[in-house]
Amino acid sequence: MLPFLARRLLYAVPTLFAVSVIAFVIIQLPPGDYLTTLMADWAAQGGAVESGMVEAMRERYGLDQPIYVQYFKWMSGILLQGDFGMSFEYGRPVSELIWSRLGFSFLLAFLTLLFAWAIAVPIGILSAVRQYSVADYIATFIAFVFLALPNFVLALGMMYVMSAYFGQSVGGLFSAEYVDAPWSLARLWDFLKHVWLPVFAIGTGSLAALIRIMRANLLDELRKPYVTTARAKGLDEFRLLMRYPVRIALNPLISALGWILPAAVSMEILVSVVMSLPTTGPLLLRALLAQDMYLAGSLILLISVLTIIGTLISDILLALTDPRIRLQ
């Protein structure tokens, strides 16, 4: 088991390096830089921009240096000092901006994952065991609807319904009086009253995909000879189902952790903008639009780290649940 984990951790190092290079290059691909965007904003507001001032700012921010110099400066700061650089637009350290929002993003992703798994597994089992029944058709229809429906559209619809018909406060993760309040039971309860709506809006896409994966894999297992043999020996149907086919059918869902965690973070970008959530989503969107390269690159790097963590967790769980992986 330890050599297995060591190999996975070793693979993560070059993967992170490659992702950081690709992310930094992609952010630099659009013409211009942060100062180009800033000058366009100033011009739109009728302000005059002096070329000498722009050049001074470009030199101050290091934007006059080649891209590889900017990249190595950024990465050396992260690796040696834990410094992600300065945000051009906010004029504050990137780490300060990120850590204030990252906790809510991770919590939202975790709750979304629990929500998707808790509903997808039993519905997928029911849909496979009762194939072509009314329950199967309903589950399949709901799954396809949620797959086709954009998350932010669902969020907008839910916000309207909850506000217009139930009078509930929508938008954000807290009511106005609890936004800056210290944590207490009252603030926790207020958080729980608000968080279910973005969790549902973000998690429906993953939920629908997981239902289809669970159903397809369990149907494949139920047709195998070992299931027929176990039934012929008189094994109880529920015990047979849970002990063998469901355990094996869960493997693809466990391996899906690698993409569900970052997918939840990336899917929450538009939902967070629509619902005014204090997460990294709106921050990343604004950083990309403004070409705030250190802020955008750091957020993309953290999402990549989340992907690697999710993949590592899925590998560990697969090794624990399936002896064939450990032996291999």
Protein backbone atom coordinates (compact mmCIF):
# COMPACT_ATOMS: atom_id res chain seq x y z
CA MET A 1 0.00 0.00 0.00
CA LEU A 2 2.77 2.47 0.88
CA PRO A 3 4.65 1.99 -2.45
CA PHE A 4 1.31 2.50 -4.20
CA LEU A 5 0.77 5.85 -2.42
CA ALA A 6 4.40 6.88 -2.95
CA ARG A 7 4.08 6.37 -6.71
CA ARG A 8 0.88 8.42 -6.81
CA LEU A 9 2.49 11.28 -4.86
CA LEU A 10 5.55 11.14 -7.11
CA TYR A 11 3.37 11.45 -10.21
CA ALA A 12 1.70 14.54 -8.71
CA VAL A 13 4.89 16.66 -8.78
CA PRO A 14 5.46 16.79 -12.58
CA THR A 15 1.68 17.03 -13.09
CA LEU A 16 1.48 20.17 -10.96
CA PHE A 17 4.49 21.68 -12.73
CA ALA A 18 2.96 21.03 -16.18
CA VAL A 19 -0.41 22.43 -15.11
CA SER A 20 1.19 25.58 -13.68
CA VAL A 21 3.07 26.20 -16.95
CA ILE A 22 -0.02 25.61 -19.09
CA ALA A 23 -2.20 27.81 -16.87
CA PHE A 24 0.30 30.67 -16.91
CA VAL A 25 0.70 30.48 -20.70
CA ILE A 26 -3.07 30.35 -21.33
CA ILE A 27 -3.62 33.43 -19.16
CA GLN A 28 -1.00 35.27 -21.24
CA LEU A 29 -2.47 34.21 -24.61
CA PRO A 30 -5.01 37.05 -25.01
CA PRO A 31 -3.43 40.20 -26.47
CA GLY A 32 -2.24 42.75 -23.94
CA ASP A 33 -2.01 42.40 -20.19
CA TYR A 34 -3.61 43.77 -17.04
CA LEU A 35 -2.56 47.34 -17.87
CA THR A 36 -4.20 47.02 -21.31
CA THR A 37 -7.48 46.15 -19.59
CA LEU A 38 -6.98 48.96 -17.08
CA MET A 39 -6.33 51.54 -19.85
CA ALA A 40 -9.47 50.35 -21.68
CA ASP A 41 -11.52 50.87 -18.50
CA TRP A 42 -10.05 54.34 -18.01
CA ALA A 43 -10.75 55.27 -21.63
CA ALA A 44 -14.35 54.04 -21.32
CA GLN A 45 -14.79 56.36 -18.33
CA GLY A 46 -13.33 59.31 -20.28
CA GLY A 47 -10.02 59.45 -18.46
CA ALA A 48 -6.73 60.33 -20.13
CA VAL A 49 -3.82 57.89 -19.90
CA GLU A 50 -0.23 59.05 -20.17
CA SER A 51 2.15 56.62 -21.88
CA GLY A 52 4.93 57.36 -19.38
CA MET A 53 2.69 56.42 -16.50
CA VAL A 54 1.70 53.14 -18.19
CA GLU A 55 5.35 52.24 -18.80
CA ALA A 56 6.20 53.02 -15.18
CA MET A 57 3.39 50.77 -13.99
CA ARG A 58 4.45 48.02 -16.40
CA GLU A 59 7.97 48.16 -14.97
CA ARG A 60 6.67 48.25 -11.40
CA TYR A 61 4.54 45.12 -11.89
CA GLY A 62 7.26 43.34 -13.88
CA LEU A 63 5.07 43.12 -16.99
CA ASP A 64 7.95 44.39 -19.16
CA GLN A 65 9.85 41.14 -18.57
CA PRO A 66 9.60 38.03 -20.78
CA ILE A 67 6.86 35.54 -19.89
CA TYR A 68 9.30 32.87 -18.70
CA VAL A 69 10.91 35.35 -16.28
CA GLN A 70 7.48 36.25 -14.91
CA TYR A 71 6.63 32.56 -14.52
CA PHE A 72 9.83 31.61 -12.69
CA LYS A 73 9.49 34.66 -10.45
CA TRP A 74 5.97 33.56 -9.56
CA MET A 75 6.86 29.88 -9.00
CA SER A 76 10.01 30.65 -6.99
CA GLY A 77 7.95 32.85 -4.69
CA ILE A 78 5.42 30.02 -4.17
CA LEU A 79 7.99 27.28 -3.60
CA LEU A 80 10.48 29.23 -1.48
CA GLN A 81 8.31 31.65 0.47
CA GLY A 82 4.72 30.53 -0.03
CA ASP A 83 4.14 33.88 -1.76
CA PHE A 84 1.62 33.71 -4.61
CA GLY A 85 2.42 37.26 -5.72
CA MET A 86 0.38 40.46 -5.72
CA SER A 87 -3.00 40.93 -7.30
CA PHE A 88 -2.74 43.80 -9.79
CA GLU A 89 -6.40 44.73 -9.58
CA TYR A 90 -6.91 44.51 -5.82
CA GLY A 91 -3.41 45.67 -4.83
CA ARG A 92 -3.28 42.97 -2.14
CA PRO A 93 -1.35 39.70 -1.73
CA VAL A 94 -2.99 36.85 -3.67
CA SER A 95 -2.79 34.55 -0.65
CA GLU A 96 -4.79 37.03 1.42
CA LEU A 97 -7.53 37.17 -1.22
CA ILE A 98 -7.62 33.41 -1.76
CA TRP A 99 -7.62 32.15 1.83
CA SER A 100 -10.54 34.35 2.78
CA ARG A 101 -12.71 32.55 0.19
CA LEU A 102 -11.09 29.14 -0.26
CA GLY A 103 -12.62 27.65 2.88
CA PHE A 104 -16.16 28.31 1.66
CA SER A 105 -15.30 26.88 -1.78
CA PHE A 106 -13.93 23.65 -0.28
CA LEU A 107 -16.88 23.36 2.12
CA LEU A 108 -19.32 23.89 -0.74
CA ALA A 109 -17.53 21.28 -2.87
CA PHE A 110 -17.53 18.78 0.02
CA LEU A 111 -21.24 19.27 0.76
CA THR A 112 -22.03 19.00 -2.94
CA LEU A 113 -20.12 15.71 -3.11
CA LEU A 114 -21.99 14.30 -0.10
CA PHE A 115 -25.32 15.41 -1.57
CA ALA A 116 -24.59 13.83 -4.97
CA TRP A 117 -23.37 10.52 -3.51
CA ALA A 118 -26.11 10.20 -0.89
CA ILE A 119 -28.82 10.47 -3.55
CA ALA A 120 -27.12 8.97 -6.64
CA VAL A 121 -26.13 5.62 -5.11
CA PRO A 122 -29.59 4.49 -3.85
CA ILE A 123 -31.37 5.86 -6.94
CA GLY A 124 -28.85 4.17 -9.24
CA ILE A 125 -29.30 0.85 -7.38
CA LEU A 126 -33.10 1.12 -7.54
CA SER A 127 -32.99 2.04 -11.22
CA ALA A 128 -30.79 -0.98 -12.05
CA VAL A 129 -32.66 -3.52 -9.93
CA ARG A 130 -36.03 -2.34 -11.26
CA GLN A 131 -34.90 -1.91 -14.86
CA TYR A 132 -37.64 -0.61 -17.22
CA SER A 133 -40.00 -0.02 -14.31
CA VAL A 134 -41.79 3.27 -13.58
CA ALA A 135 -39.11 4.15 -11.01
CA ASP A 136 -36.37 3.51 -13.59
CA TYR A 137 -38.04 5.72 -16.18
CA ILE A 138 -38.58 8.53 -13.65
CA ALA A 139 -34.95 8.36 -12.47
CA THR A 140 -33.67 8.33 -16.06
CA PHE A 141 -35.89 11.28 -17.02
CA ILE A 142 -34.79 13.35 -14.00
CA ALA A 143 -31.13 12.52 -14.67
CA PHE A 144 -31.35 13.68 -18.29
CA VAL A 145 -33.19 16.88 -17.30
CA PHE A 146 -30.52 17.81 -14.75
CA LEU A 147 -27.73 16.95 -17.21
CA ALA A 148 -29.25 19.27 -19.82
CA LEU A 149 -30.13 22.12 -17.44
CA PRO A 150 -27.30 24.63 -16.79
CA ASN A 151 -26.55 25.04 -13.10
CA PHE A 152 -26.84 28.84 -13.10
CA VAL A 153 -30.28 28.67 -14.78
CA LEU A 154 -31.45 26.26 -12.09
CA ALA A 155 -30.02 28.63 -9.45
CA LEU A 156 -31.91 31.59 -10.91
CA GLY A 157 -35.17 29.63 -11.01
CA MET A 158 -34.77 28.40 -7.45
CA MET A 159 -33.93 31.89 -6.19
CA TYR A 160 -37.10 33.28 -7.80
CA VAL A 161 -39.32 30.54 -6.39
CA MET A 162 -37.87 30.74 -2.87
CA SER A 163 -38.09 34.53 -2.81
CA ALA A 164 -41.48 34.99 -4.50
CA TYR A 165 -43.43 32.10 -3.00
CA PHE A 166 -41.69 31.29 0.29
CA GLY A 167 -40.30 34.70 1.26
CA GLN A 168 -36.86 33.27 2.00
CA SER A 169 -33.74 35.41 1.84
CA VAL A 170 -31.72 34.27 -1.19
CA GLY A 171 -28.20 35.12 -2.29
CA GLY A 172 -25.05 34.69 -0.25
CA LEU A 173 -24.36 32.10 2.43
CA PHE A 174 -25.55 34.25 5.34
CA SER A 175 -28.21 36.77 6.16
CA ALA A 176 -27.02 40.40 6.31
CA GLU A 177 -26.72 40.40 10.12
CA TYR A 178 -24.50 37.30 10.15
CA VAL A 179 -22.06 38.13 7.31
CA ASP A 180 -19.33 39.51 9.58
CA ALA A 181 -20.54 38.00 12.85
CA PRO A 182 -18.39 35.47 14.76
CA TRP A 183 -19.35 31.81 14.54
CA SER A 184 -22.16 30.76 16.86
CA LEU A 185 -25.10 28.34 16.81
CA ALA A 186 -27.31 31.09 15.38
CA ARG A 187 -24.81 31.81 12.58
CA LEU A 188 -24.41 28.08 11.86
CA TRP A 189 -28.18 27.66 11.61
CA ASP A 190 -28.38 30.67 9.29
CA PHE A 191 -25.60 29.14 7.15
CA LEU A 192 -27.48 25.83 6.91
CA LYS A 193 -30.65 27.67 5.86
CA HIS A 194 -28.76 29.30 2.97
CA VAL A 195 -26.23 26.67 1.87
CA TRP A 196 -28.68 23.98 0.72
CA LEU A 197 -29.77 26.04 -2.26
CA PRO A 198 -26.30 26.46 -3.90
CA VAL A 199 -25.44 22.84 -2.98
CA PHE A 200 -28.54 21.64 -4.83
CA ALA A 201 -27.93 23.97 -7.80
CA ILE A 202 -24.26 22.93 -8.14
CA GLY A 203 -24.71 19.25 -7.32
CA THR A 204 -27.48 18.34 -9.76
CA GLY A 205 -25.09 17.97 -12.72
CA SER A 206 -22.81 15.56 -10.82
CA LEU A 207 -25.84 13.83 -9.32
CA ALA A 208 -27.33 13.07 -12.73
CA ALA A 209 -24.02 11.74 -14.08
CA LEU A 210 -23.44 9.53 -11.02
CA ILE A 211 -26.94 8.03 -11.28
CA ARG A 212 -26.25 7.01 -14.87
CA ILE A 213 -22.81 5.59 -13.98
CA MET A 214 -24.16 3.58 -11.03
CA ARG A 215 -27.09 2.22 -13.01
CA ALA A 216 -24.99 1.17 -16.02
CA ASN A 217 -22.28 -0.54 -13.94
CA LEU A 218 -24.69 -2.34 -11.64
CA LEU A 219 -26.69 -3.64 -14.61
CA ASP A 220 -23.45 -5.00 -16.06
CA GLU A 221 -22.59 -6.76 -12.77
CA LEU A 222 -26.08 -8.22 -12.29
CA ARG A 223 -25.77 -10.10 -15.60
CA LYS A 224 -22.53 -11.86 -14.65
CA PRO A 225 -22.39 -15.61 -13.83
CA TYR A 226 -21.31 -15.18 -10.19
CA VAL A 227 -24.63 -13.43 -9.42
CA THR A 228 -26.60 -16.30 -10.98
CA THR A 229 -24.52 -18.82 -9.01
CA ALA A 230 -25.08 -16.96 -5.72
CA ARG A 231 -28.83 -16.88 -6.35
CA ALA A 232 -28.83 -20.60 -7.17
CA LYS A 233 -27.16 -21.30 -3.82
CA GLY A 234 -30.01 -19.53 -2.06
CA LEU A 235 -28.21 -16.38 -0.93
CA ASP A 236 -30.57 -13.66 0.27
CA GLU A 237 -31.25 -11.14 -2.53
CA PHE A 238 -30.46 -8.01 -0.51
CA ARG A 239 -27.30 -9.54 0.96
CA LEU A 240 -26.20 -10.73 -2.47
CA LEU A 241 -26.80 -7.30 -3.98
CA MET A 242 -24.88 -5.35 -1.33
CA ARG A 243 -22.03 -7.79 -0.80
CA TYR A 244 -20.94 -8.32 -4.40
CA PRO A 245 -22.45 -6.36 -7.36
CA VAL A 246 -22.86 -3.01 -5.56
CA ARG A 247 -19.31 -3.10 -4.17
CA ILE A 248 -17.86 -3.68 -7.63
CA ALA A 249 -20.23 -1.19 -9.29
CA LEU A 250 -19.06 1.51 -6.85
CA ASN A 251 -15.51 1.43 -8.26
CA PRO A 252 -16.23 3.84 -11.16
CA LEU A 253 -18.00 6.21 -8.75
CA ILE A 254 -14.99 6.17 -6.42
CA SER A 255 -12.65 6.85 -9.33
CA ALA A 256 -14.94 9.75 -10.32
CA LEU A 257 -13.87 11.62 -7.17
CA GLY A 258 -10.90 12.88 -9.18
CA TRP A 259 -13.14 14.97 -11.42
CA ILE A 260 -16.17 15.59 -9.21
CA LEU A 261 -14.27 17.74 -6.68
CA PRO A 262 -12.74 20.17 -9.21
CA ALA A 263 -15.92 20.04 -11.29
CA ALA A 264 -17.89 21.20 -8.25
CA VAL A 265 -15.47 24.12 -7.80
CA SER A 266 -15.55 25.08 -11.48
CA MET A 267 -19.34 24.66 -11.77
CA GLU A 268 -19.82 27.00 -8.82
CA ILE A 269 -18.27 29.94 -10.70
CA LEU A 270 -21.44 31.06 -12.47
CA VAL A 271 -23.67 29.90 -9.63
CA SER A 272 -21.56 31.95 -7.20
CA VAL A 273 -21.82 35.02 -9.44
CA VAL A 274 -25.60 34.59 -9.72
CA MET A 275 -26.09 33.95 -6.00
CA SER A 276 -23.36 36.33 -4.70
CA LEU A 277 -21.50 33.59 -2.86
CA PRO A 278 -18.23 34.49 -1.05
CA THR A 279 -16.22 31.78 -2.84
CA THR A 280 -13.28 31.72 -5.25
CA GLY A 281 -15.54 31.45 -8.31
CA PRO A 282 -16.33 35.17 -8.83
CA LEU A 283 -12.72 35.99 -7.91
CA LEU A 284 -11.39 33.69 -10.66
CA LEU A 285 -13.82 35.02 -13.25
CA ARG A 286 -12.86 38.63 -12.52
CA ALA A 287 -9.14 37.77 -12.53
CA LEU A 288 -9.45 36.13 -15.97
CA LEU A 289 -11.39 39.05 -17.41
CA ALA A 290 -8.88 41.57 -16.04
CA GLN A 291 -5.85 39.38 -16.94
CA ASP A 292 -4.73 39.53 -13.32
CA MET A 293 -2.23 36.76 -14.02
CA TYR A 294 -0.92 35.99 -10.53
CA LEU A 295 -4.40 35.79 -9.03
CA ALA A 296 -5.87 33.77 -11.91
CA GLY A 297 -2.83 31.47 -12.13
CA SER A 298 -2.90 30.79 -8.39
CA LEU A 299 -6.60 29.92 -8.43
CA ILE A 300 -6.17 27.59 -11.41
CA LEU A 301 -3.19 26.00 -9.67
CA LEU A 302 -5.28 25.40 -6.54
CA ILE A 303 -8.07 23.81 -8.61
CA SER A 304 -5.42 21.52 -10.13
CA VAL A 305 -4.22 20.63 -6.63
CA LEU A 306 -7.83 19.79 -5.80
CA THR A 307 -7.95 17.50 -8.83
CA ILE A 308 -4.80 15.70 -7.71
CA ILE A 309 -6.11 15.40 -4.14
CA GLY A 310 -9.40 14.01 -5.42
CA THR A 311 -7.56 11.52 -7.62
CA LEU A 312 -5.32 10.47 -4.72
CA ILE A 313 -8.33 9.97 -2.43
CA SER A 314 -10.07 7.91 -5.11
CA ASP A 315 -6.93 5.78 -5.60
CA ILE A 316 -6.69 5.12 -1.85
CA LEU A 317 -10.39 4.22 -1.59
CA LEU A 318 -10.15 1.95 -4.65
CA ALA A 319 -7.15 0.19 -3.15
CA LEU A 320 -9.06 -0.33 0.11
CA THR A 321 -12.26 -1.58 -1.52
CA ASP A 322 -10.77 -3.67 -4.34
CA PRO A 323 -7.93 -6.08 -3.42
CA ARG A 324 -7.09 -6.56 -7.12
CA ILE A 325 -5.71 -3.00 -7.27
CA ARG A 326 -3.49 -3.54 -4.21
CA LEU A 327 -2.17 -6.81 -5.59
CA GLN A 328 -1.45 -5.25 -8.99
